[in-house]
């Protein structure tokens, strides 16, 4: 895997994108020797759904209570599009 610092990657970005897209290379971009980003060909990285990520929040984290309340509130209200549609339909004479 090729490794470049940020300044070099910035100066050669077009070339690097070609190498990644057409040559299948993976390029590591570093800042002060620490990895910052990776350029990889499309379709090679498996994207993991957020629901499958484990270990970054405890089951009793307050975040989940907030999300649950948002979901509950949304299930109780009619979306504005449907409200407008209902008012338009009610104005049509039978």
N, C-alpha and C. Protein backbone atom coordinates (compact mmCIF):
# COMPACT_ATOMS: atom_id res chain seq x y z
N UNK A 1 0.86 -1.17 0.00
CA UNK A 1 0.00 0.00 0.00
C UNK A 1 0.91 1.24 0.00
N UNK A 2 0.59 2.16 -0.89
CA UNK A 2 1.34 3.42 -0.97
C UNK A 2 0.91 4.33 0.17
N UNK A 3 1.87 5.05 0.74
CA UNK A 3 1.58 5.97 1.83
C UNK A 3 2.15 7.34 1.48
N UNK A 4 1.33 8.39 1.61
CA UNK A 4 1.75 9.76 1.30
C UNK A 4 1.29 10.70 2.39
N UNK A 5 2.04 11.80 2.57
CA UNK A 5 1.57 12.79 3.52
C UNK A 5 0.49 13.66 2.86
N UNK A 6 -0.22 14.43 3.66
CA UNK A 6 -1.36 15.21 3.18
C UNK A 6 -0.94 16.19 2.07
N UNK A 7 0.16 16.89 2.27
CA UNK A 7 0.60 17.89 1.29
C UNK A 7 0.88 17.24 -0.07
N UNK A 8 1.56 16.09 -0.06
CA UNK A 8 1.86 15.39 -1.29
C UNK A 8 0.59 14.85 -1.94
N UNK A 9 -0.32 14.32 -1.13
CA UNK A 9 -1.59 13.81 -1.67
C UNK A 9 -2.40 14.94 -2.29
N UNK A 10 -2.40 16.09 -1.65
CA UNK A 10 -3.14 17.25 -2.17
C UNK A 10 -2.56 17.67 -3.53
N UNK A 11 -1.25 17.71 -3.64
CA UNK A 11 -0.61 18.12 -4.88
C UNK A 11 -0.82 17.13 -6.01
N UNK A 12 -1.01 15.86 -5.68
CA UNK A 12 -1.12 14.81 -6.71
C UNK A 12 -2.47 14.11 -6.71
N UNK A 13 -3.51 14.77 -6.18
CA UNK A 13 -4.80 14.11 -6.00
C UNK A 13 -5.35 13.51 -7.28
N UNK A 14 -5.31 14.24 -8.38
CA UNK A 14 -5.86 13.72 -9.64
C UNK A 14 -5.17 12.42 -10.04
N UNK A 15 -3.84 12.41 -9.97
CA UNK A 15 -3.08 11.20 -10.30
C UNK A 15 -3.43 10.05 -9.37
N UNK A 16 -3.52 10.35 -8.07
CA UNK A 16 -3.84 9.32 -7.09
C UNK A 16 -5.22 8.72 -7.33
N UNK A 17 -6.19 9.57 -7.65
CA UNK A 17 -7.54 9.06 -7.94
C UNK A 17 -7.53 8.12 -9.13
N UNK A 18 -6.75 8.45 -10.15
CA UNK A 18 -6.63 7.56 -11.31
C UNK A 18 -6.01 6.23 -10.94
N UNK A 19 -4.97 6.27 -10.12
CA UNK A 19 -4.32 5.03 -9.69
C UNK A 19 -5.28 4.16 -8.88
N UNK A 20 -6.08 4.79 -8.07
CA UNK A 20 -7.04 4.04 -7.25
C UNK A 20 -8.17 3.49 -8.10
N UNK A 21 -8.78 4.37 -8.90
CA UNK A 21 -9.95 3.97 -9.69
C UNK A 21 -9.62 2.97 -10.79
N UNK A 22 -8.51 3.20 -11.48
CA UNK A 22 -8.20 2.35 -12.64
C UNK A 22 -7.15 1.29 -12.37
N UNK A 23 -6.30 1.53 -11.38
CA UNK A 23 -5.25 0.57 -11.07
C UNK A 23 -5.56 -0.31 -9.88
N UNK A 24 -6.64 0.02 -9.17
CA UNK A 24 -7.03 -0.78 -8.02
C UNK A 24 -6.14 -0.62 -6.80
N UNK A 25 -5.30 0.42 -6.80
CA UNK A 25 -4.42 0.65 -5.65
C UNK A 25 -5.18 1.16 -4.44
N UNK A 26 -4.61 0.96 -3.28
CA UNK A 26 -5.10 1.58 -2.06
C UNK A 26 -4.00 2.51 -1.57
N UNK A 27 -4.36 3.74 -1.24
CA UNK A 27 -3.38 4.74 -0.85
C UNK A 27 -3.72 5.28 0.54
N UNK A 28 -2.74 5.27 1.42
CA UNK A 28 -2.89 5.76 2.78
C UNK A 28 -2.38 7.19 2.84
N UNK A 29 -3.19 8.10 3.38
CA UNK A 29 -2.79 9.49 3.54
C UNK A 29 -2.51 9.74 5.01
N UNK A 30 -1.33 10.30 5.29
CA UNK A 30 -0.91 10.50 6.67
C UNK A 30 -0.67 11.98 6.96
N UNK A 31 -0.74 12.32 8.22
CA UNK A 31 -0.35 13.66 8.69
C UNK A 31 0.60 13.43 9.86
N UNK A 32 1.81 13.95 9.69
CA UNK A 32 2.86 13.78 10.71
C UNK A 32 3.06 12.31 11.07
N UNK A 33 2.96 11.47 10.05
CA UNK A 33 3.20 10.05 10.23
C UNK A 33 2.03 9.24 10.74
N UNK A 34 0.92 9.91 11.07
CA UNK A 34 -0.26 9.19 11.57
C UNK A 34 -1.29 9.03 10.44
N UNK A 35 -1.86 7.84 10.28
CA UNK A 35 -2.88 7.63 9.25
C UNK A 35 -4.08 8.55 9.46
N UNK A 36 -4.51 9.22 8.37
CA UNK A 36 -5.65 10.13 8.44
C UNK A 36 -6.80 9.65 7.54
N UNK A 37 -6.46 9.08 6.38
CA UNK A 37 -7.49 8.65 5.43
C UNK A 37 -6.90 7.60 4.51
N UNK A 38 -7.81 6.90 3.84
CA UNK A 38 -7.41 5.89 2.88
C UNK A 38 -8.20 6.08 1.61
N UNK A 39 -7.55 6.10 0.47
CA UNK A 39 -8.23 6.09 -0.82
C UNK A 39 -8.31 4.65 -1.27
N UNK A 40 -9.52 4.16 -1.51
CA UNK A 40 -9.71 2.77 -1.91
C UNK A 40 -10.63 2.72 -3.12
N UNK A 41 -10.46 1.73 -3.98
CA UNK A 41 -11.37 1.60 -5.13
C UNK A 41 -12.81 1.37 -4.66
N UNK A 42 -13.76 1.89 -5.41
CA UNK A 42 -15.18 1.71 -5.08
C UNK A 42 -15.52 0.23 -5.06
N UNK A 43 -16.35 -0.14 -4.09
CA UNK A 43 -16.85 -1.51 -4.02
C UNK A 43 -15.94 -2.47 -3.27
N UNK A 44 -14.78 -2.00 -2.81
CA UNK A 44 -13.89 -2.92 -2.11
C UNK A 44 -14.09 -2.88 -0.60
N UNK A 45 -14.64 -1.79 -0.10
CA UNK A 45 -14.88 -1.67 1.34
C UNK A 45 -16.28 -2.15 1.67
N UNK A 46 -16.37 -3.01 2.63
CA UNK A 46 -17.69 -3.47 3.08
C UNK A 46 -18.22 -2.45 4.09
N UNK A 47 -19.34 -1.84 3.75
CA UNK A 47 -19.94 -0.85 4.64
C UNK A 47 -20.81 -1.58 5.65
N UNK A 48 -20.53 -1.36 6.90
CA UNK A 48 -21.26 -2.03 7.97
C UNK A 48 -22.40 -1.12 8.43
N UNK A 49 -23.63 -1.63 8.41
CA UNK A 49 -24.75 -0.81 8.90
C UNK A 49 -24.54 -0.41 10.35
N UNK A 50 -24.99 0.76 10.70
CA UNK A 50 -24.82 1.27 12.05
C UNK A 50 -25.42 0.33 13.09
N UNK A 51 -26.52 -0.33 12.74
CA UNK A 51 -27.17 -1.23 13.69
C UNK A 51 -26.28 -2.41 14.07
N UNK A 52 -25.32 -2.74 13.23
CA UNK A 52 -24.45 -3.89 13.52
C UNK A 52 -23.19 -3.51 14.30
N UNK A 53 -22.96 -2.22 14.45
CA UNK A 53 -21.79 -1.78 15.20
C UNK A 53 -22.03 -2.07 16.67
N UNK A 54 -21.06 -2.69 17.30
CA UNK A 54 -21.21 -3.05 18.70
C UNK A 54 -20.07 -2.49 19.52
N UNK A 55 -20.35 -2.15 20.76
CA UNK A 55 -19.31 -1.77 21.67
C UNK A 55 -19.07 -0.30 21.86
N UNK A 56 -19.68 0.54 21.06
CA UNK A 56 -19.40 1.97 21.22
C UNK A 56 -20.43 2.66 22.09
N UNK A 57 -21.56 2.03 22.38
CA UNK A 57 -22.55 2.55 23.33
C UNK A 57 -23.03 1.41 24.21
N UNK A 58 -23.23 1.71 25.46
CA UNK A 58 -23.79 0.72 26.37
C UNK A 58 -25.30 0.62 26.11
N UNK A 59 -25.91 -0.52 26.44
CA UNK A 59 -27.34 -0.72 26.21
C UNK A 59 -28.20 0.29 26.96
N UNK A 60 -27.73 0.81 28.08
CA UNK A 60 -28.53 1.76 28.86
C UNK A 60 -28.13 3.22 28.60
N UNK A 61 -27.41 3.47 27.51
CA UNK A 61 -27.00 4.84 27.18
C UNK A 61 -28.23 5.72 26.94
N UNK A 62 -28.23 6.96 27.44
CA UNK A 62 -29.37 7.88 27.27
C UNK A 62 -29.71 8.15 25.80
N UNK A 63 -28.76 7.95 24.92
CA UNK A 63 -29.01 8.13 23.49
C UNK A 63 -30.21 7.31 23.03
N UNK A 64 -30.32 6.08 23.50
CA UNK A 64 -31.40 5.20 23.07
C UNK A 64 -32.77 5.70 23.55
N UNK A 65 -32.83 6.28 24.73
CA UNK A 65 -34.10 6.84 25.23
C UNK A 65 -34.54 8.01 24.36
N UNK A 66 -33.60 8.83 23.94
CA UNK A 66 -33.92 9.97 23.06
C UNK A 66 -34.45 9.46 21.73
N UNK A 67 -33.78 8.49 21.15
CA UNK A 67 -34.21 7.93 19.86
C UNK A 67 -35.60 7.31 20.00
N UNK A 68 -35.84 6.56 21.06
CA UNK A 68 -37.15 5.95 21.28
C UNK A 68 -38.25 7.01 21.36
N UNK A 69 -37.98 8.12 22.05
CA UNK A 69 -39.01 9.17 22.16
C UNK A 69 -39.26 9.83 20.82
N UNK A 70 -38.23 10.01 20.01
CA UNK A 70 -38.40 10.58 18.67
C UNK A 70 -39.26 9.66 17.81
N UNK A 71 -38.97 8.38 17.84
CA UNK A 71 -39.75 7.41 17.06
C UNK A 71 -41.20 7.41 17.51
N UNK A 72 -41.42 7.43 18.81
CA UNK A 72 -42.78 7.44 19.34
C UNK A 72 -43.54 8.70 18.91
N UNK A 73 -42.89 9.86 19.01
CA UNK A 73 -43.53 11.12 18.58
C UNK A 73 -43.88 11.09 17.10
N UNK A 74 -43.01 10.57 16.29
CA UNK A 74 -43.27 10.52 14.85
C UNK A 74 -44.41 9.58 14.51
N UNK A 75 -44.56 8.52 15.27
CA UNK A 75 -45.63 7.57 14.97
C UNK A 75 -47.01 8.14 15.33
N UNK A 76 -47.03 9.19 16.17
CA UNK A 76 -48.31 9.79 16.58
C UNK A 76 -48.77 10.92 15.67
N UNK A 77 -47.92 11.41 14.80
CA UNK A 77 -48.33 12.54 13.99
C UNK A 77 -48.45 12.15 12.52
N UNK A 78 -49.31 12.87 11.81
CA UNK A 78 -49.50 12.64 10.39
C UNK A 78 -48.53 13.55 9.63
N UNK A 79 -47.76 13.00 8.70
CA UNK A 79 -46.84 13.83 7.94
C UNK A 79 -47.58 14.96 7.21
N UNK A 80 -46.92 16.10 7.07
CA UNK A 80 -47.51 17.29 6.47
C UNK A 80 -48.05 17.01 5.06
N UNK A 81 -47.38 16.18 4.30
CA UNK A 81 -47.84 15.86 2.94
C UNK A 81 -49.22 15.23 3.00
N UNK A 82 -49.42 14.31 3.95
CA UNK A 82 -50.72 13.66 4.07
C UNK A 82 -51.78 14.63 4.58
N UNK A 83 -51.40 15.53 5.47
CA UNK A 83 -52.35 16.54 5.97
C UNK A 83 -52.82 17.42 4.81
N UNK A 84 -51.89 17.85 3.97
CA UNK A 84 -52.24 18.69 2.82
C UNK A 84 -53.12 17.91 1.84
N UNK A 85 -52.81 16.65 1.63
CA UNK A 85 -53.60 15.82 0.73
C UNK A 85 -55.02 15.66 1.27
N UNK A 86 -55.15 15.42 2.57
CA UNK A 86 -56.48 15.27 3.18
C UNK A 86 -57.30 16.55 3.03
N UNK A 87 -56.66 17.71 3.23
CA UNK A 87 -57.40 18.97 3.10
C UNK A 87 -57.79 19.23 1.65
N UNK A 88 -56.95 18.85 0.70
CA UNK A 88 -57.27 19.03 -0.72
C UNK A 88 -58.43 18.13 -1.12
N UNK A 89 -58.40 16.87 -0.67
CA UNK A 89 -59.45 15.90 -1.01
C UNK A 89 -60.77 16.35 -0.39
N UNK A 90 -60.75 16.89 0.81
CA UNK A 90 -61.99 17.31 1.47
C UNK A 90 -62.63 18.52 0.77
N UNK A 91 -61.84 19.28 0.01
CA UNK A 91 -62.37 20.44 -0.70
C UNK A 91 -63.04 20.06 -2.03
N UNK A 92 -62.81 18.85 -2.50
CA UNK A 92 -63.40 18.40 -3.77
C UNK A 92 -64.88 18.06 -3.53
N UNK A 93 -65.78 18.70 -4.30
CA UNK A 93 -67.21 18.38 -4.13
C UNK A 93 -67.53 16.97 -4.62
N UNK A 94 -68.48 16.36 -3.95
CA UNK A 94 -68.83 14.98 -4.33
C UNK A 94 -69.91 14.95 -5.37
